[in-house]
Amino acid sequence: MSHPDLFVVSILRALVEVALLSLLGQGAVALLAGARRASNPIYRLFEVVTRPVLGVCRRLTPKVVIDRHLPFVAFFLSFWLWIVLAYVKRMLCELHGLSAC
């Protein structure tokens, strides 16, 4: 790729997609496993993947947001970040004159 700014935006968007899908997977496993989700190895794997996202969201949100609601906030913040990155990618494609982005 000859446009490094477009490459960086694509990488950031892919990382946000991984975080979004991991948050969705963690929520689905939590619904299925119920109270025993802490001992579920798949749920623990999703916890490892989503821990950085939840940490960033904890720093960004006020202390009024309780920890139980933090995954929902992280999902919606990540979703809007993904939308913004899609818009930035589209603008960079138009700026560089690329039609197939």
C-alpha atoms as a PDB file:
ATOM      1  CA  MET A   1       0.000   0.000   0.000  1.00  0.00           C
ATOM      2  CA  SER A   2       1.538   3.297  -1.024  1.00  0.00           C
ATOM      3  CA  HIS A   3      -0.538   5.446   1.329  1.00  0.00           C
ATOM      4  CA  PRO A   4       0.627   4.931   4.931  1.00  0.00           C
ATOM      5  CA  ASP A   5      -2.164   7.056   6.430  1.00  0.00           C
ATOM      6  CA  LEU A   6      -4.783   4.851   4.811  1.00  0.00           C
ATOM      7  CA  PHE A   7      -2.921   1.781   6.049  1.00  0.00           C
ATOM      8  CA  VAL A   8      -2.871   3.054   9.651  1.00  0.00           C
ATOM      9  CA  VAL A   9      -6.597   3.850   9.573  1.00  0.00           C
ATOM     10  CA  SER A  10      -7.313   0.366   8.188  1.00  0.00           C
ATOM     11  CA  ILE A  11      -5.288  -1.252  10.976  1.00  0.00           C
ATOM     12  CA  LEU A  12      -7.036   0.815  13.649  1.00  0.00           C
ATOM     13  CA  ARG A  13     -10.417  -0.070  12.180  1.00  0.00           C
ATOM     14  CA  ALA A  14      -9.535  -3.780  12.188  1.00  0.00           C
ATOM     15  CA  LEU A  15      -8.466  -3.585  15.849  1.00  0.00           C
ATOM     16  CA  VAL A  16     -11.734  -1.894  16.766  1.00  0.00           C
ATOM     17  CA  GLU A  17     -13.629  -4.628  14.881  1.00  0.00           C
ATOM     18  CA  VAL A  18     -11.822  -7.293  16.912  1.00  0.00           C
ATOM     19  CA  ALA A  19     -12.748  -5.476  20.117  1.00  0.00           C
ATOM     20  CA  LEU A  20     -16.390  -5.176  19.057  1.00  0.00           C
ATOM     21  CA  LEU A  21     -16.682  -8.827  18.137  1.00  0.00           C
ATOM     22  CA  SER A  22     -14.945  -9.869  21.354  1.00  0.00           C
ATOM     23  CA  LEU A  23     -17.361  -7.794  23.424  1.00  0.00           C
ATOM     24  CA  LEU A  24     -20.284  -9.394  21.577  1.00  0.00           C
ATOM     25  CA  GLY A  25     -18.826 -12.867  22.092  1.00  0.00           C
ATOM     26  CA  GLN A  26     -18.219 -12.211  25.763  1.00  0.00           C
ATOM     27  CA  GLY A  27     -21.812 -11.057  26.176  1.00  0.00           C
ATOM     28  CA  ALA A  28     -23.169 -14.118  24.383  1.00  0.00           C
ATOM     29  CA  VAL A  29     -21.095 -16.504  26.495  1.00  0.00           C
ATOM     30  CA  ALA A  30     -22.162 -14.642  29.649  1.00  0.00           C
ATOM     31  CA  LEU A  31     -25.814 -15.142  28.709  1.00  0.00           C
ATOM     32  CA  LEU A  32     -25.307 -18.811  27.977  1.00  0.00           C
ATOM     33  CA  ALA A  33     -23.064 -19.656  30.944  1.00  0.00           C
ATOM     34  CA  GLY A  34     -24.984 -17.665  33.538  1.00  0.00           C
ATOM     35  CA  ALA A  35     -23.516 -17.543  37.026  1.00  0.00           C
ATOM     36  CA  ARG A  36     -20.742 -20.013  36.163  1.00  0.00           C
ATOM     37  CA  ARG A  37     -19.248 -17.771  33.498  1.00  0.00           C
ATOM     38  CA  ALA A  38     -16.142 -17.032  35.599  1.00  0.00           C
ATOM     39  CA  SER A  39     -15.066 -20.667  35.278  1.00  0.00           C
ATOM     40  CA  ASN A  40     -15.767 -20.847  31.540  1.00  0.00           C
ATOM     41  CA  PRO A  41     -12.464 -20.882  29.566  1.00  0.00           C
ATOM     42  CA  ILE A  42     -13.987 -19.170  26.515  1.00  0.00           C
ATOM     43  CA  TYR A  43     -15.354 -16.373  28.672  1.00  0.00           C
ATOM     44  CA  ARG A  44     -11.926 -15.955  30.283  1.00  0.00           C
ATOM     45  CA  LEU A  45     -10.340 -15.753  26.818  1.00  0.00           C
ATOM     46  CA  PHE A  46     -12.770 -12.991  25.882  1.00  0.00           C
ATOM     47  CA  GLU A  47     -11.913 -11.245  29.167  1.00  0.00           C
ATOM     48  CA  VAL A  48      -8.246 -11.195  28.189  1.00  0.00           C
ATOM     49  CA  VAL A  49      -9.036  -9.719  24.772  1.00  0.00           C
ATOM     50  CA  THR A  50     -11.479  -7.094  26.051  1.00  0.00           C
ATOM     51  CA  ARG A  51      -9.498  -6.028  29.141  1.00  0.00           C
ATOM     52  CA  PRO A  52      -7.601  -3.208  27.323  1.00  0.00           C
ATOM     53  CA  VAL A  53     -10.826  -1.835  25.830  1.00  0.00           C
ATOM     54  CA  LEU A  54     -12.563  -1.870  29.185  1.00  0.00           C
ATOM     55  CA  GLY A  55      -9.541  -0.208  30.802  1.00  0.00           C
ATOM     56  CA  VAL A  56      -9.559   2.642  28.303  1.00  0.00           C
ATOM     57  CA  CYS A  57     -13.309   3.078  28.702  1.00  0.00           C
ATOM     58  CA  ARG A  58     -12.946   3.114  32.499  1.00  0.00           C
ATOM     59  CA  ARG A  59     -10.454   5.989  32.206  1.00  0.00           C
ATOM     60  CA  LEU A  60     -12.696   7.892  29.771  1.00  0.00           C
ATOM     61  CA  THR A  61     -15.976   7.533  31.635  1.00  0.00           C
ATOM     62  CA  PRO A  62     -16.872   9.228  34.898  1.00  0.00           C
ATOM     63  CA  LYS A  63     -16.943   7.247  38.134  1.00  0.00           C
ATOM     64  CA  VAL A  64     -20.753   7.387  38.070  1.00  0.00           C
ATOM     65  CA  VAL A  65     -20.732   4.574  35.493  1.00  0.00           C
ATOM     66  CA  ILE A  66     -20.640   1.368  37.508  1.00  0.00           C
ATOM     67  CA  ASP A  67     -18.413  -1.537  36.499  1.00  0.00           C
ATOM     68  CA  ARG A  68     -21.382  -3.726  35.603  1.00  0.00           C
ATOM     69  CA  HIS A  69     -22.406  -1.263  32.871  1.00  0.00           C
ATOM     70  CA  LEU A  70     -18.897  -0.721  31.555  1.00  0.00           C
ATOM     71  CA  PRO A  71     -19.045  -3.415  28.817  1.00  0.00           C
ATOM     72  CA  PHE A  72     -22.138  -1.744  27.332  1.00  0.00           C
ATOM     73  CA  VAL A  73     -20.429   1.636  27.366  1.00  0.00           C
ATOM     74  CA  ALA A  74     -17.288   0.116  25.847  1.00  0.00           C
ATOM     75  CA  PHE A  75     -19.332  -1.500  23.088  1.00  0.00           C
ATOM     76  CA  PHE A  76     -21.100   1.721  22.134  1.00  0.00           C
ATOM     77  CA  LEU A  77     -17.930   3.827  22.307  1.00  0.00           C
ATOM     78  CA  SER A  78     -16.115   1.263  20.158  1.00  0.00           C
ATOM     79  CA  PHE A  79     -19.009   1.153  17.732  1.00  0.00           C
ATOM     80  CA  TRP A  80     -18.930   4.928  17.244  1.00  0.00           C
ATOM     81  CA  LEU A  81     -15.151   4.859  16.912  1.00  0.00           C
ATOM     82  CA  TRP A  82     -15.559   2.222  14.191  1.00  0.00           C
ATOM     83  CA  ILE A  83     -18.063   4.481  12.379  1.00  0.00           C
ATOM     84  CA  VAL A  84     -15.718   7.484  12.628  1.00  0.00           C
ATOM     85  CA  LEU A  85     -12.799   5.432  11.310  1.00  0.00           C
ATOM     86  CA  ALA A  86     -14.934   4.280   8.371  1.00  0.00           C
ATOM     87  CA  TYR A  87     -15.687   7.916   7.569  1.00  0.00           C
ATOM     88  CA  VAL A  88     -12.008   8.874   7.872  1.00  0.00           C
ATOM     89  CA  LYS A  89     -11.036   5.987   5.604  1.00  0.00           C
ATOM     90  CA  ARG A  90     -13.596   7.086   3.029  1.00  0.00           C
ATOM     91  CA  MET A  91     -12.288  10.660   3.135  1.00  0.00           C
ATOM     92  CA  LEU A  92      -8.692   9.465   2.748  1.00  0.00           C
ATOM     93  CA  CYS A  93      -9.685   7.364  -0.253  1.00  0.00           C
ATOM     94  CA  GLU A  94     -11.309  10.378  -1.874  1.00  0.00           C
ATOM     95  CA  LEU A  95      -8.298  12.543  -1.011  1.00  0.00           C
ATOM     96  CA  HIS A  96      -5.900  10.110  -2.683  1.00  0.00           C
ATOM     97  CA  GLY A  97      -8.206   9.568  -5.643  1.00  0.00           C
ATOM     98  CA  LEU A  98      -8.796   5.870  -4.945  1.00  0.00           C
ATOM     99  CA  SER A  99     -12.120   4.463  -6.064  1.00  0.00           C
ATOM    100  CA  ALA A 100     -11.853   0.913  -4.704  1.00  0.00           C
ATOM    101  CA  CYS A 101     -11.449   1.323  -0.935  1.00  0.00           C
END
